[in-house]
Amino acid sequence: MIAAAQKGPGIATPGLGGAILAPALVNGTRRLEIRNYRLEDPERLKARGAFSEVIQYRTRLFVPLDQSNEVVEAIVAMTRI
């Protein structure tokens, strides 16, 4: 899932109601961004390792690249509960 998200325009994240995991370039740094998430999801996603940043007055959610497998596994497992 991580490799597919990094290569293309994004990949659907199971159980997150249409959210996608997509590559992003922020200040010259490549990141994995969670886009189109529901309003109730940010705190649950951050509790599983995602982090947020306010960029141009908009809160964006990212998955740390060095822990991407663990964080995405935790997010997918969250949706099975």
PDB file of N, CA and C in Angstrom:
ATOM      1  N   MET A   1       0.820  -1.184   0.000  1.00  0.00           N
ATOM      2  CA  MET A   1       0.000   0.000   0.000  1.00  0.00           C
ATOM      3  C   MET A   1       0.871   1.257   0.000  1.00  0.00           C
ATOM      4  N   ILE A   2       1.952   1.261   0.761  1.00  0.00           N
ATOM      5  CA  ILE A   2       2.837   2.425   0.844  1.00  0.00           C
ATOM      6  C   ILE A   2       3.477   2.704  -0.507  1.00  0.00           C
ATOM      7  N   ALA A   3       4.017   1.669  -1.140  1.00  0.00           N
ATOM      8  CA  ALA A   3       4.679   1.844  -2.441  1.00  0.00           C
ATOM      9  C   ALA A   3       3.700   2.361  -3.487  1.00  0.00           C
ATOM     10  N   ALA A   4       2.500   1.824  -3.501  1.00  0.00           N
ATOM     11  CA  ALA A   4       1.488   2.271  -4.466  1.00  0.00           C
ATOM     12  C   ALA A   4       1.113   3.727  -4.216  1.00  0.00           C
ATOM     13  N   ALA A   5       1.017   4.114  -2.962  1.00  0.00           N
ATOM     14  CA  ALA A   5       0.662   5.497  -2.631  1.00  0.00           C
ATOM     15  C   ALA A   5       1.762   6.461  -3.057  1.00  0.00           C
ATOM     16  N   GLN A   6       3.018   6.050  -2.924  1.00  0.00           N
ATOM     17  CA  GLN A   6       4.131   6.924  -3.278  1.00  0.00           C
ATOM     18  C   GLN A   6       4.285   7.095  -4.779  1.00  0.00           C
ATOM     19  N   LYS A   7       3.851   6.121  -5.555  1.00  0.00           N
ATOM     20  CA  LYS A   7       4.063   6.157  -7.003  1.00  0.00           C
ATOM     21  C   LYS A   7       2.965   6.876  -7.766  1.00  0.00           C
ATOM     22  N   GLY A   8       1.744   6.811  -7.273  1.00  0.00           N
ATOM     23  CA  GLY A   8       0.627   7.317  -8.063  1.00  0.00           C
ATOM     24  C   GLY A   8      -0.035   8.530  -7.455  1.00  0.00           C
ATOM     25  N   PRO A   9      -1.230   8.806  -7.941  1.00  0.00           N
ATOM     26  CA  PRO A   9      -1.975   9.956  -7.432  1.00  0.00           C
ATOM     27  C   PRO A   9      -2.580   9.713  -6.048  1.00  0.00           C
ATOM     28  N   GLY A  10      -2.538   8.491  -5.580  1.00  0.00           N
ATOM     29  CA  GLY A  10      -3.075   8.158  -4.267  1.00  0.00           C
ATOM     30  C   GLY A  10      -3.791   6.827  -4.304  1.00  0.00           C
ATOM     31  N   ILE A  11      -3.989   6.262  -3.123  1.00  0.00           N
ATOM     32  CA  ILE A  11      -4.646   4.965  -3.010  1.00  0.00           C
ATOM     33  C   ILE A  11      -5.663   5.047  -1.871  1.00  0.00           C
ATOM     34  N   ALA A  12      -6.806   4.429  -2.078  1.00  0.00           N
ATOM     35  CA  ALA A  12      -7.857   4.438  -1.059  1.00  0.00           C
ATOM     36  C   ALA A  12      -7.369   3.752   0.209  1.00  0.00           C
ATOM     37  N   THR A  13      -7.733   4.322   1.342  1.00  0.00           N
ATOM     38  CA  THR A  13      -7.369   3.750   2.630  1.00  0.00           C
ATOM     39  C   THR A  13      -8.590   3.022   3.180  1.00  0.00           C
ATOM     40  N   PRO A  14      -8.494   1.703   3.368  1.00  0.00           N
ATOM     41  CA  PRO A  14      -9.655   0.914   3.799  1.00  0.00           C
ATOM     42  C   PRO A  14     -10.288   1.439   5.083  1.00  0.00           C
ATOM     43  N   GLY A  15     -11.603   1.567   5.057  1.00  0.00           N
ATOM     44  CA  GLY A  15     -12.353   1.930   6.241  1.00  0.00           C
ATOM     45  C   GLY A  15     -12.370   3.395   6.609  1.00  0.00           C
ATOM     46  N   LEU A  16     -11.747   4.241   5.804  1.00  0.00           N
ATOM     47  CA  LEU A  16     -11.707   5.660   6.154  1.00  0.00           C
ATOM     48  C   LEU A  16     -12.635   6.508   5.296  1.00  0.00           C
ATOM     49  N   GLY A  17     -13.681   5.913   4.794  1.00  0.00           N
ATOM     50  CA  GLY A  17     -14.730   6.659   4.121  1.00  0.00           C
ATOM     51  C   GLY A  17     -14.283   7.532   2.973  1.00  0.00           C
ATOM     52  N   GLY A  18     -13.470   7.025   2.097  1.00  0.00           N
ATOM     53  CA  GLY A  18     -13.050   7.787   0.931  1.00  0.00           C
ATOM     54  C   GLY A  18     -11.720   8.501   1.082  1.00  0.00           C
ATOM     55  N   ALA A  19     -11.098   8.411   2.238  1.00  0.00           N
ATOM     56  CA  ALA A  19      -9.782   9.030   2.411  1.00  0.00           C
ATOM     57  C   ALA A  19      -8.754   8.297   1.564  1.00  0.00           C
ATOM     58  N   ILE A  20      -7.782   9.047   1.072  1.00  0.00           N
ATOM     59  CA  ILE A  20      -6.715   8.434   0.284  1.00  0.00           C
ATOM     60  C   ILE A  20      -5.364   8.763   0.891  1.00  0.00           C
ATOM     61  N   LEU A  21      -4.418   7.874   0.658  1.00  0.00           N
ATOM     62  CA  LEU A  21      -3.030   8.072   1.037  1.00  0.00           C
ATOM     63  C   LEU A  21      -2.312   8.474  -0.234  1.00  0.00           C
ATOM     64  N   ALA A  22      -1.728   9.676  -0.257  1.00  0.00           N
ATOM     65  CA  ALA A  22      -1.173  10.217  -1.492  1.00  0.00           C
ATOM     66  C   ALA A  22       0.176  10.880  -1.239  1.00  0.00           C
ATOM     67  N   PRO A  23       1.037  10.885  -2.258  1.00  0.00           N
ATOM     68  CA  PRO A  23       2.310  11.575  -2.107  1.00  0.00           C
ATOM     69  C   PRO A  23       2.084  13.086  -2.066  1.00  0.00           C
ATOM     70  N   ALA A  24       2.923  13.773  -1.309  1.00  0.00           N
ATOM     71  CA  ALA A  24       2.850  15.230  -1.228  1.00  0.00           C
ATOM     72  C   ALA A  24       4.271  15.775  -1.149  1.00  0.00           C
ATOM     73  N   LEU A  25       4.455  16.958  -1.658  1.00  0.00           N
ATOM     74  CA  LEU A  25       5.741  17.645  -1.579  1.00  0.00           C
ATOM     75  C   LEU A  25       5.520  18.908  -0.759  1.00  0.00           C
ATOM     76  N   VAL A  26       6.132  18.960   0.425  1.00  0.00           N
ATOM     77  CA  VAL A  26       5.968  20.095   1.326  1.00  0.00           C
ATOM     78  C   VAL A  26       7.348  20.651   1.644  1.00  0.00           C
ATOM     79  N   ASN A  27       7.582  21.895   1.272  1.00  0.00           N
ATOM     80  CA  ASN A  27       8.882  22.546   1.494  1.00  0.00           C
ATOM     81  C   ASN A  27      10.039  21.712   0.963  1.00  0.00           C
ATOM     82  N   GLY A  28       9.859  21.116  -0.198  1.00  0.00           N
ATOM     83  CA  GLY A  28      10.913  20.332  -0.828  1.00  0.00           C
ATOM     84  C   GLY A  28      11.094  18.938  -0.260  1.00  0.00           C
ATOM     85  N   THR A  29      10.233  18.534   0.656  1.00  0.00           N
ATOM     86  CA  THR A  29      10.331  17.221   1.291  1.00  0.00           C
ATOM     87  C   THR A  29       9.158  16.353   0.860  1.00  0.00           C
ATOM     88  N   ARG A  30       9.454  15.123   0.455  1.00  0.00           N
ATOM     89  CA  ARG A  30       8.397  14.184   0.073  1.00  0.00           C
ATOM     90  C   ARG A  30       7.740  13.635   1.335  1.00  0.00           C
ATOM     91  N   ARG A  31       6.419  13.562   1.292  1.00  0.00           N
ATOM     92  CA  ARG A  31       5.642  13.048   2.422  1.00  0.00           C
ATOM     93  C   ARG A  31       4.488  12.198   1.908  1.00  0.00           C
ATOM     94  N   LEU A  32       3.877  11.469   2.817  1.00  0.00           N
ATOM     95  CA  LEU A  32       2.627  10.754   2.528  1.00  0.00           C
ATOM     96  C   LEU A  32       1.518  11.483   3.272  1.00  0.00           C
ATOM     97  N   GLU A  33       0.531  11.935   2.525  1.00  0.00           N
ATOM     98  CA  GLU A  33      -0.558  12.710   3.109  1.00  0.00           C
ATOM     99  C   GLU A  33      -1.849  11.897   3.094  1.00  0.00           C
ATOM    100  N   ILE A  34      -2.624  12.030   4.154  1.00  0.00           N
ATOM    101  CA  ILE A  34      -3.962  11.447   4.198  1.00  0.00           C
ATOM    102  C   ILE A  34      -4.918  12.559   3.768  1.00  0.00           C
ATOM    103  N   ARG A  35      -5.565  12.363   2.625  1.00  0.00           N
ATOM    104  CA  ARG A  35      -6.459  13.390   2.070  1.00  0.00           C
ATOM    105  C   ARG A  35      -7.913  12.926   2.123  1.00  0.00           C
ATOM    106  N   ASN A  36      -8.800  13.876   2.121  1.00  0.00           N
ATOM    107  CA  ASN A  36     -10.253  13.620   2.084  1.00  0.00           C
ATOM    108  C   ASN A  36     -10.744  12.826   3.295  1.00  0.00           C
ATOM    109  N   TYR A  37     -10.120  13.028   4.432  1.00  0.00           N
ATOM    110  CA  TYR A  37     -10.550  12.331   5.645  1.00  0.00           C
ATOM    111  C   TYR A  37     -11.811  12.996   6.200  1.00  0.00           C
ATOM    112  N   ARG A  38     -12.541  12.237   6.997  1.00  0.00           N
ATOM    113  CA  ARG A  38     -13.760  12.756   7.626  1.00  0.00           C
ATOM    114  C   ARG A  38     -13.395  13.662   8.803  1.00  0.00           C
ATOM    115  N   LEU A  39     -14.286  14.549   9.164  1.00  0.00           N
ATOM    116  CA  LEU A  39     -14.033  15.493  10.255  1.00  0.00           C
ATOM    117  C   LEU A  39     -13.773  14.800  11.588  1.00  0.00           C
ATOM    118  N   GLU A  40     -14.343  13.615  11.783  1.00  0.00           N
ATOM    119  CA  GLU A  40     -14.147  12.916  13.057  1.00  0.00           C
ATOM    120  C   GLU A  40     -12.863  12.084  13.101  1.00  0.00           C
ATOM    121  N   ASP A  41     -12.125  11.999  12.012  1.00  0.00           N
ATOM    122  CA  ASP A  41     -10.966  11.109  11.941  1.00  0.00           C
ATOM    123  C   ASP A  41      -9.625  11.652  12.454  1.00  0.00           C
ATOM    124  N   PRO A  42      -9.327  12.948  12.408  1.00  0.00           N
ATOM    125  CA  PRO A  42      -7.971  13.392  12.735  1.00  0.00           C
ATOM    126  C   PRO A  42      -7.425  12.915  14.078  1.00  0.00           C
ATOM    127  N   GLU A  43      -8.196  13.019  15.140  1.00  0.00           N
ATOM    128  CA  GLU A  43      -7.673  12.612  16.455  1.00  0.00           C
ATOM    129  C   GLU A  43      -7.407  11.114  16.510  1.00  0.00           C
ATOM    130  N   ARG A  44      -8.292  10.323  15.906  1.00  0.00           N
ATOM    131  CA  ARG A  44      -8.075   8.865  15.877  1.00  0.00           C
ATOM    132  C   ARG A  44      -6.833   8.521  15.063  1.00  0.00           C
ATOM    133  N   LEU A  45      -6.616   9.220  13.956  1.00  0.00           N
ATOM    134  CA  LEU A  45      -5.451   8.954  13.117  1.00  0.00           C
ATOM    135  C   LEU A  45      -4.167   9.384  13.817  1.00  0.00           C
ATOM    136  N   LYS A  46      -4.211  10.526  14.495  1.00  0.00           N
ATOM    137  CA  LYS A  46      -3.024  10.992  15.219  1.00  0.00           C
ATOM    138  C   LYS A  46      -2.687  10.060  16.381  1.00  0.00           C
ATOM    139  N   ALA A  47      -3.697   9.460  16.993  1.00  0.00           N
ATOM    140  CA  ALA A  47      -3.461   8.512  18.085  1.00  0.00           C
ATOM    141  C   ALA A  47      -2.740   7.262  17.592  1.00  0.00           C
ATOM    142  N   ARG A  48      -2.783   7.020  16.293  1.00  0.00           N
ATOM    143  CA  ARG A  48      -2.129   5.845  15.712  1.00  0.00           C
ATOM    144  C   ARG A  48      -0.835   6.185  14.985  1.00  0.00           C
ATOM    145  N   GLY A  49      -0.371   7.431  15.119  1.00  0.00           N
ATOM    146  CA  GLY A  49       0.946   7.775  14.597  1.00  0.00           C
ATOM    147  C   GLY A  49       0.989   8.822  13.509  1.00  0.00           C
ATOM    148  N   ALA A  50      -0.154   9.206  12.955  1.00  0.00           N
ATOM    149  CA  ALA A  50      -0.159  10.273  11.953  1.00  0.00           C
ATOM    150  C   ALA A  50       0.107  11.603  12.670  1.00  0.00           C
ATOM    151  N   PHE A  51       0.510  12.610  11.919  1.00  0.00           N
ATOM    152  CA  PHE A  51       0.707  13.928  12.511  1.00  0.00           C
ATOM    153  C   PHE A  51       0.082  14.985  11.613  1.00  0.00           C
ATOM    154  N   SER A  52      -0.223  16.126  12.206  1.00  0.00           N
ATOM    155  CA  SER A  52      -0.861  17.193  11.435  1.00  0.00           C
ATOM    156  C   SER A  52       0.030  18.422  11.398  1.00  0.00           C
ATOM    157  N   GLU A  53      -0.162  19.208  10.359  1.00  0.00           N
ATOM    158  CA  GLU A  53       0.490  20.503  10.217  1.00  0.00           C
ATOM    159  C   GLU A  53      -0.510  21.458   9.604  1.00  0.00           C
ATOM    160  N   VAL A  54      -0.444  22.700  10.027  1.00  0.00           N
ATOM    161  CA  VAL A  54      -1.265  23.731   9.410  1.00  0.00           C
ATOM    162  C   VAL A  54      -0.406  24.389   8.339  1.00  0.00           C
ATOM    163  N   ILE A  55      -0.854  24.265   7.098  1.00  0.00           N
ATOM    164  CA  ILE A  55      -0.139  24.815   5.952  1.00  0.00           C
ATOM    165  C   ILE A  55      -1.131  25.683   5.185  1.00  0.00           C
ATOM    166  N   GLN A  56      -0.800  26.942   5.040  1.00  0.00           N
ATOM    167  CA  GLN A  56      -1.681  27.907   4.380  1.00  0.00           C
ATOM    168  C   GLN A  56      -3.085  27.871   4.974  1.00  0.00           C
ATOM    169  N   TYR A  57      -3.156  27.940   6.296  1.00  0.00           N
ATOM    170  CA  TYR A  57      -4.410  28.005   7.051  1.00  0.00           C
ATOM    171  C   TYR A  57      -5.271  26.747   6.933  1.00  0.00           C
ATOM    172  N   ARG A  58      -4.682  25.656   6.513  1.00  0.00           N
ATOM    173  CA  ARG A  58      -5.429  24.403   6.367  1.00  0.00           C
ATOM    174  C   ARG A  58      -4.696  23.296   7.120  1.00  0.00           C
ATOM    175  N   THR A  59      -5.418  22.534   7.938  1.00  0.00           N
ATOM    176  CA  THR A  59      -4.806  21.418   8.658  1.00  0.00           C
ATOM    177  C   THR A  59      -4.703  20.231   7.721  1.00  0.00           C
ATOM    178  N   ARG A  60      -3.474  19.716   7.608  1.00  0.00           N
ATOM    179  CA  ARG A  60      -3.232  18.556   6.749  1.00  0.00           C
ATOM    180  C   ARG A  60      -2.669  17.427   7.599  1.00  0.00           C
ATOM    181  N   LEU A  61      -3.011  16.186   7.255  1.00  0.00           N
ATOM    182  CA  LEU A  61      -2.545  15.008   7.994  1.00  0.00           C
ATOM    183  C   LEU A  61      -1.508  14.257   7.181  1.00  0.00           C
ATOM    184  N   PHE A  62      -0.446  13.814   7.857  1.00  0.00           N
ATOM    185  CA  PHE A  62       0.638  13.099   7.205  1.00  0.00           C
ATOM    186  C   PHE A  62       0.991  11.837   7.977  1.00  0.00           C
ATOM    187  N   VAL A  63       1.585  10.894   7.266  1.00  0.00           N
ATOM    188  CA  VAL A  63       2.117   9.670   7.858  1.00  0.00           C
ATOM    189  C   VAL A  63       3.636   9.807   7.837  1.00  0.00           C
ATOM    190  N   PRO A  64       4.317   9.619   8.984  1.00  0.00           N
ATOM    191  CA  PRO A  64       5.774   9.718   8.978  1.00  0.00           C
ATOM    192  C   PRO A  64       6.382   8.626   8.093  1.00  0.00           C
ATOM    193  N   LEU A  65       7.269   9.010   7.183  1.00  0.00           N
ATOM    194  CA  LEU A  65       7.833   8.042   6.236  1.00  0.00           C
ATOM    195  C   LEU A  65       8.637   6.950   6.925  1.00  0.00           C
ATOM    196  N   ASP A  66       9.361   7.300   7.984  1.00  0.00           N
ATOM    197  CA  ASP A  66      10.204   6.298   8.644  1.00  0.00           C
ATOM    198  C   ASP A  66       9.393   5.259   9.419  1.00  0.00           C
ATOM    199  N   GLN A  67       8.120   5.531   9.665  1.00  0.00           N
ATOM    200  CA  GLN A  67       7.247   4.588  10.375  1.00  0.00           C
ATOM    201  C   GLN A  67       5.982   4.305   9.574  1.00  0.00           C
ATOM    202  N   SER A  68       6.040   4.501   8.282  1.00  0.00           N
ATOM    203  CA  SER A  68       4.828   4.439   7.455  1.00  0.00           C
ATOM    204  C   SER A  68       4.127   3.086   7.517  1.00  0.00           C
ATOM    205  N   ASN A  69       4.877   1.998   7.470  1.00  0.00           N
ATOM    206  CA  ASN A  69       4.236   0.672   7.514  1.00  0.00           C
ATOM    207  C   ASN A  69       3.467   0.462   8.812  1.00  0.00           C
ATOM    208  N   GLU A  70       4.099   0.790   9.931  1.00  0.00           N
ATOM    209  CA  GLU A  70       3.461   0.592  11.229  1.00  0.00           C
ATOM    210  C   GLU A  70       2.224   1.476  11.384  1.00  0.00           C
ATOM    211  N   VAL A  71       2.335   2.731  10.964  1.00  0.00           N
ATOM    212  CA  VAL A  71       1.218   3.664  11.117  1.00  0.00           C
ATOM    213  C   VAL A  71       0.042   3.248  10.240  1.00  0.00           C
ATOM    214  N   VAL A  72       0.312   2.897   8.988  1.00  0.00           N
ATOM    215  CA  VAL A  72      -0.774   2.489   8.088  1.00  0.00           C
ATOM    216  C   VAL A  72      -1.417   1.198   8.583  1.00  0.00           C
ATOM    217  N   GLU A  73      -0.622   0.249   9.076  1.00  0.00           N
ATOM    218  CA  GLU A  73      -1.191  -0.982   9.639  1.00  0.00           C
ATOM    219  C   GLU A  73      -2.102  -0.668  10.823  1.00  0.00           C
ATOM    220  N   ALA A  74      -1.684   0.263  11.680  1.00  0.00           N
ATOM    221  CA  ALA A  74      -2.503   0.641  12.836  1.00  0.00           C
ATOM    222  C   ALA A  74      -3.799   1.317  12.395  1.00  0.00           C
ATOM    223  N   ILE A  75      -3.722   2.132  11.349  1.00  0.00           N
ATOM    224  CA  ILE A  75      -4.917   2.811  10.838  1.00  0.00           C
ATOM    225  C   ILE A  75      -5.891   1.800  10.245  1.00  0.00           C
ATOM    226  N   VAL A  76      -5.380   0.869   9.455  1.00  0.00           N
ATOM    227  CA  VAL A  76      -6.243  -0.149   8.847  1.00  0.00           C
ATOM    228  C   VAL A  76      -6.843  -1.038   9.937  1.00  0.00           C
ATOM    229  N   ALA A  77      -6.050  -1.394  10.951  1.00  0.00           N
ATOM    230  CA  ALA A  77      -6.558  -2.216  12.055  1.00  0.00           C
ATOM    231  C   ALA A  77      -7.639  -1.477  12.834  1.00  0.00           C
ATOM    232  N   MET A  78      -7.512  -0.161  12.945  1.00  0.00           N
ATOM    233  CA  MET A  78      -8.492   0.662  13.647  1.00  0.00           C
ATOM    234  C   MET A  78      -9.869   0.516  13.006  1.00  0.00           C
ATOM    235  N   THR A  79      -9.895   0.389  11.709  1.00  0.00           N
ATOM    236  CA  THR A  79     -11.167   0.334  10.995  1.00  0.00           C
ATOM    237  C   THR A  79     -11.849  -1.023  11.141  1.00  0.00           C
ATOM    238  N   ARG A  80     -11.120  -2.018  11.600  1.00  0.00           N
ATOM    239  CA  ARG A  80     -11.696  -3.356  11.777  1.00  0.00           C
ATOM    240  C   ARG A  80     -12.366  -3.515  13.130  1.00  0.00           C
ATOM    241  N   ILE A  81     -12.160  -2.546  14.011  1.00  0.00           N
ATOM    242  CA  ILE A  81     -12.700  -2.638  15.379  1.00  0.00           C
ATOM    243  C   ILE A  81     -14.195  -2.424  15.367  1.00  0.00           C
TER     244      ILE A  81
END
